[in-house]
């Protein structure tokens, strides 16, 4: 499922509302920690696309099918594709900075993340394993993780 995003900061709120409305249909309840994390990741990736490219983007969610088990093993994927070919660059934000922490948050919250060229632009993605505790290591920092949906590992940005 996907949502077209206009290059307008108000679109971030619309993207969060849209993502929330899709979670229940896949068996992810609003009070599940995964839901809160997913909404934050959606917010960060859409904000980055809107603020740093000034171009339309597409938000994609790949959610698991509903299951009867309380904790089904499934991977949830968030992708934002935009028209800019510029690679995402993690920044070191100062204590007083009002921005510059988005990719650091994605790195801390997602089990894996990365980016790839898509058409004339790029797609930035992140994945959460629904029932696994987050695993972090030096090899998964800043986009070096392997996607469950792809056979390619992306080099650190």
C-alpha atoms as a PDB file:
ATOM      1  CA  UNK A   1       0.000   0.000   0.000  1.00  0.00           C
ATOM      2  CA  UNK A   2       1.220   3.497  -0.726  1.00  0.00           C
ATOM      3  CA  UNK A   3       0.438   7.163  -0.208  1.00  0.00           C
ATOM      4  CA  UNK A   4       1.461  10.064  -2.455  1.00  0.00           C
ATOM      5  CA  UNK A   5       3.140  12.842  -0.449  1.00  0.00           C
ATOM      6  CA  UNK A   6       3.217  16.482  -1.567  1.00  0.00           C
ATOM      7  CA  UNK A   7       6.330  18.573  -0.755  1.00  0.00           C
ATOM      8  CA  UNK A   8       4.575  20.261   2.169  1.00  0.00           C
ATOM      9  CA  UNK A   9       5.480  19.869   5.873  1.00  0.00           C
ATOM     10  CA  UNK A  10       1.770  19.352   6.700  1.00  0.00           C
ATOM     11  CA  UNK A  11       1.967  16.079   4.791  1.00  0.00           C
ATOM     12  CA  UNK A  12       3.929  14.516   7.670  1.00  0.00           C
ATOM     13  CA  UNK A  13       0.834  14.523   9.890  1.00  0.00           C
ATOM     14  CA  UNK A  14      -1.283  13.122   7.076  1.00  0.00           C
ATOM     15  CA  UNK A  15       1.269  10.337   6.539  1.00  0.00           C
ATOM     16  CA  UNK A  16       1.143   9.433  10.257  1.00  0.00           C
ATOM     17  CA  UNK A  17      -2.670   9.324  10.237  1.00  0.00           C
ATOM     18  CA  UNK A  18      -2.682   7.202   7.084  1.00  0.00           C
ATOM     19  CA  UNK A  19      -0.134   4.756   8.530  1.00  0.00           C
ATOM     20  CA  UNK A  20      -2.109   4.441  11.800  1.00  0.00           C
ATOM     21  CA  UNK A  21      -5.253   3.652   9.839  1.00  0.00           C
ATOM     22  CA  UNK A  22      -3.465   0.784   8.077  1.00  0.00           C
ATOM     23  CA  UNK A  23      -2.027  -0.901  11.182  1.00  0.00           C
ATOM     24  CA  UNK A  24      -5.226  -2.354  12.667  1.00  0.00           C
ATOM     25  CA  UNK A  25      -6.027  -4.172   9.431  1.00  0.00           C
ATOM     26  CA  UNK A  26      -2.769  -6.056   9.710  1.00  0.00           C
ATOM     27  CA  UNK A  27      -3.291  -7.047  13.341  1.00  0.00           C
ATOM     28  CA  UNK A  28      -0.949  -4.425  14.821  1.00  0.00           C
ATOM     29  CA  UNK A  29      -2.870  -2.720  17.618  1.00  0.00           C
ATOM     30  CA  UNK A  30      -2.404   0.953  18.471  1.00  0.00           C
ATOM     31  CA  UNK A  31      -1.078   0.108  21.939  1.00  0.00           C
ATOM     32  CA  UNK A  32       1.535  -2.332  20.617  1.00  0.00           C
ATOM     33  CA  UNK A  33       5.061  -0.860  20.934  1.00  0.00           C
ATOM     34  CA  UNK A  34       5.659  -1.725  17.283  1.00  0.00           C
ATOM     35  CA  UNK A  35       2.852   0.657  16.249  1.00  0.00           C
ATOM     36  CA  UNK A  36       4.395   3.612  18.073  1.00  0.00           C
ATOM     37  CA  UNK A  37       7.813   2.872  16.602  1.00  0.00           C
ATOM     38  CA  UNK A  38       6.396   2.516  13.089  1.00  0.00           C
ATOM     39  CA  UNK A  39       4.604   5.848  13.313  1.00  0.00           C
ATOM     40  CA  UNK A  40       7.813   7.560  14.470  1.00  0.00           C
ATOM     41  CA  UNK A  41       9.773   5.973  11.598  1.00  0.00           C
ATOM     42  CA  UNK A  42       7.117   7.071   9.091  1.00  0.00           C
ATOM     43  CA  UNK A  43       7.305  10.575  10.519  1.00  0.00           C
ATOM     44  CA  UNK A  44      11.102  10.754  10.280  1.00  0.00           C
ATOM     45  CA  UNK A  45      11.393   9.365   6.743  1.00  0.00           C
ATOM     46  CA  UNK A  46       8.566  11.502   5.360  1.00  0.00           C
ATOM     47  CA  UNK A  47       9.959  14.601   7.112  1.00  0.00           C
ATOM     48  CA  UNK A  48      13.361  13.975   5.542  1.00  0.00           C
ATOM     49  CA  UNK A  49      11.831  13.653   2.078  1.00  0.00           C
ATOM     50  CA  UNK A  50       9.694  16.780   2.434  1.00  0.00           C
ATOM     51  CA  UNK A  51      12.355  18.985   4.057  1.00  0.00           C
ATOM     52  CA  UNK A  52      15.474  17.893   2.177  1.00  0.00           C
ATOM     53  CA  UNK A  53      14.144  17.365  -1.354  1.00  0.00           C
ATOM     54  CA  UNK A  54      11.239  19.785  -1.765  1.00  0.00           C
ATOM     55  CA  UNK A  55       9.740  17.265  -4.191  1.00  0.00           C
ATOM     56  CA  UNK A  56       6.766  14.891  -4.098  1.00  0.00           C
ATOM     57  CA  UNK A  57       7.401  11.494  -2.516  1.00  0.00           C
ATOM     58  CA  UNK A  58       5.682   8.145  -2.088  1.00  0.00           C
ATOM     59  CA  UNK A  59       5.275   6.444   1.299  1.00  0.00           C
ATOM     60  CA  UNK A  60       4.982   2.661   1.105  1.00  0.00           C
ATOM     61  CA  UNK A  61       4.064   0.279   3.911  1.00  0.00           C
ATOM     62  CA  UNK A  62       4.519  -3.463   3.706  1.00  0.00           C
ATOM     63  CA  UNK A  63       2.567  -4.877   6.628  1.00  0.00           C
ATOM     64  CA  UNK A  64       2.053  -8.515   7.595  1.00  0.00           C
ATOM     65  CA  UNK A  65      -1.313 -10.173   7.046  1.00  0.00           C
ATOM     66  CA  UNK A  66      -3.441 -10.472  10.195  1.00  0.00           C
ATOM     67  CA  UNK A  67      -2.739 -13.607  12.221  1.00  0.00           C
ATOM     68  CA  UNK A  68      -4.397 -15.307  15.168  1.00  0.00           C
ATOM     69  CA  UNK A  69      -1.194 -15.656  17.192  1.00  0.00           C
ATOM     70  CA  UNK A  70      -0.412 -12.866  19.641  1.00  0.00           C
ATOM     71  CA  UNK A  71       3.137 -12.475  18.379  1.00  0.00           C
ATOM     72  CA  UNK A  72       3.511 -13.600  14.808  1.00  0.00           C
ATOM     73  CA  UNK A  73       6.977 -13.455  13.378  1.00  0.00           C
ATOM     74  CA  UNK A  74       6.797 -10.905  10.577  1.00  0.00           C
ATOM     75  CA  UNK A  75       8.799  -8.062   9.132  1.00  0.00           C
ATOM     76  CA  UNK A  76       7.241  -4.639   8.657  1.00  0.00           C
ATOM     77  CA  UNK A  77       8.781  -2.351   6.060  1.00  0.00           C
ATOM     78  CA  UNK A  78       8.497   1.416   5.633  1.00  0.00           C
ATOM     79  CA  UNK A  79       9.796   3.010   2.427  1.00  0.00           C
ATOM     80  CA  UNK A  80       9.833   6.574   1.199  1.00  0.00           C
ATOM     81  CA  UNK A  81      10.744   7.169  -2.435  1.00  0.00           C
ATOM     82  CA  UNK A  82      11.530  10.684  -3.634  1.00  0.00           C
ATOM     83  CA  UNK A  83      12.776  12.348  -6.794  1.00  0.00           C
ATOM     84  CA  UNK A  84      16.174  13.397  -5.446  1.00  0.00           C
ATOM     85  CA  UNK A  85      19.207  11.300  -6.328  1.00  0.00           C
ATOM     86  CA  UNK A  86      21.175  12.709  -3.361  1.00  0.00           C
ATOM     87  CA  UNK A  87      22.147   9.978  -0.924  1.00  0.00           C
ATOM     88  CA  UNK A  88      20.914  10.326   2.659  1.00  0.00           C
ATOM     89  CA  UNK A  89      23.696  11.609   4.910  1.00  0.00           C
ATOM     90  CA  UNK A  90      23.483  11.099   8.671  1.00  0.00           C
ATOM     91  CA  UNK A  91      24.455  14.254  10.550  1.00  0.00           C
ATOM     92  CA  UNK A  92      25.818  14.942  13.997  1.00  0.00           C
ATOM     93  CA  UNK A  93      23.412  17.467  15.472  1.00  0.00           C
ATOM     94  CA  UNK A  94      24.563  19.786  18.215  1.00  0.00           C
ATOM     95  CA  UNK A  95      22.729  19.973  21.535  1.00  0.00           C
ATOM     96  CA  UNK A  96      20.815  23.101  20.493  1.00  0.00           C
ATOM     97  CA  UNK A  97      20.050  21.981  16.927  1.00  0.00           C
ATOM     98  CA  UNK A  98      16.365  21.648  16.041  1.00  0.00           C
ATOM     99  CA  UNK A  99      17.035  19.094  13.301  1.00  0.00           C
ATOM    100  CA  UNK A 100      19.606  16.635  12.060  1.00  0.00           C
ATOM    101  CA  UNK A 101      18.641  13.622  14.178  1.00  0.00           C
ATOM    102  CA  UNK A 102      16.238  11.824  11.824  1.00  0.00           C
ATOM    103  CA  UNK A 103      18.550   9.172  10.430  1.00  0.00           C
ATOM    104  CA  UNK A 104      20.104   8.606  13.867  1.00  0.00           C
ATOM    105  CA  UNK A 105      16.594   7.867  15.180  1.00  0.00           C
ATOM    106  CA  UNK A 106      15.914   5.531  12.269  1.00  0.00           C
ATOM    107  CA  UNK A 107      19.212   3.761  12.934  1.00  0.00           C
ATOM    108  CA  UNK A 108      18.380   3.306  16.621  1.00  0.00           C
ATOM    109  CA  UNK A 109      14.774   2.195  16.169  1.00  0.00           C
ATOM    110  CA  UNK A 110      14.822   0.022  13.052  1.00  0.00           C
ATOM    111  CA  UNK A 111      16.242  -3.476  12.859  1.00  0.00           C
ATOM    112  CA  UNK A 112      17.632  -2.622   9.417  1.00  0.00           C
ATOM    113  CA  UNK A 113      17.643   0.392   7.133  1.00  0.00           C
ATOM    114  CA  UNK A 114      19.236   1.521   3.922  1.00  0.00           C
ATOM    115  CA  UNK A 115      18.591   3.208   0.624  1.00  0.00           C
ATOM    116  CA  UNK A 116      18.796   2.448  -3.065  1.00  0.00           C
ATOM    117  CA  UNK A 117      18.470   4.340  -6.328  1.00  0.00           C
ATOM    118  CA  UNK A 118      14.934   4.303  -7.740  1.00  0.00           C
ATOM    119  CA  UNK A 119      14.346   5.791 -11.162  1.00  0.00           C
ATOM    120  CA  UNK A 120      15.760   9.322 -11.173  1.00  0.00           C
ATOM    121  CA  UNK A 121      15.569   9.441  -7.364  1.00  0.00           C
ATOM    122  CA  UNK A 122      15.984   7.092  -4.424  1.00  0.00           C
ATOM    123  CA  UNK A 123      14.103   4.979  -1.929  1.00  0.00           C
ATOM    124  CA  UNK A 124      14.967   4.999   1.775  1.00  0.00           C
ATOM    125  CA  UNK A 125      13.653   2.009   3.690  1.00  0.00           C
ATOM    126  CA  UNK A 126      13.643   0.585   7.168  1.00  0.00           C
ATOM    127  CA  UNK A 127      12.400  -2.672   8.625  1.00  0.00           C
ATOM    128  CA  UNK A 128      11.169  -3.842  11.994  1.00  0.00           C
ATOM    129  CA  UNK A 129      10.882  -7.457  13.029  1.00  0.00           C
ATOM    130  CA  UNK A 130       7.565  -7.604  14.800  1.00  0.00           C
ATOM    131  CA  UNK A 131       8.534  -9.884  17.682  1.00  0.00           C
ATOM    132  CA  UNK A 132      12.293  -9.645  17.862  1.00  0.00           C
ATOM    133  CA  UNK A 133      14.048  -7.250  20.189  1.00  0.00           C
ATOM    134  CA  UNK A 134      16.103  -4.689  18.236  1.00  0.00           C
ATOM    135  CA  UNK A 135      19.553  -5.976  17.366  1.00  0.00           C
ATOM    136  CA  UNK A 136      22.293  -3.418  16.831  1.00  0.00           C
ATOM    137  CA  UNK A 137      25.872  -3.955  15.856  1.00  0.00           C
ATOM    138  CA  UNK A 138      28.546  -2.055  13.994  1.00  0.00           C
ATOM    139  CA  UNK A 139      27.611  -3.885  10.786  1.00  0.00           C
ATOM    140  CA  UNK A 140      24.044  -2.535  10.834  1.00  0.00           C
ATOM    141  CA  UNK A 141      24.884   1.065  11.646  1.00  0.00           C
ATOM    142  CA  UNK A 142      23.828   3.666   9.078  1.00  0.00           C
ATOM    143  CA  UNK A 143      22.301   1.514   6.398  1.00  0.00           C
ATOM    144  CA  UNK A 144      24.701  -1.408   6.422  1.00  0.00           C
ATOM    145  CA  UNK A 145      22.027  -3.970   7.341  1.00  0.00           C
ATOM    146  CA  UNK A 146      20.640  -6.622   5.027  1.00  0.00           C
ATOM    147  CA  UNK A 147      16.999  -6.268   4.071  1.00  0.00           C
ATOM    148  CA  UNK A 148      14.704  -9.250   4.400  1.00  0.00           C
ATOM    149  CA  UNK A 149      13.196  -8.104   1.070  1.00  0.00           C
ATOM    150  CA  UNK A 150      16.455  -7.729  -0.843  1.00  0.00           C
ATOM    151  CA  UNK A 151      19.612  -9.701  -1.392  1.00  0.00           C
ATOM    152  CA  UNK A 152      21.722  -6.560  -1.523  1.00  0.00           C
ATOM    153  CA  UNK A 153      23.487  -5.012   1.436  1.00  0.00           C
ATOM    154  CA  UNK A 154      24.076  -1.296   1.092  1.00  0.00           C
ATOM    155  CA  UNK A 155      27.372   0.228   2.074  1.00  0.00           C
ATOM    156  CA  UNK A 156      27.477   2.740   4.874  1.00  0.00           C
ATOM    157  CA  UNK A 157      26.454   6.218   3.759  1.00  0.00           C
END
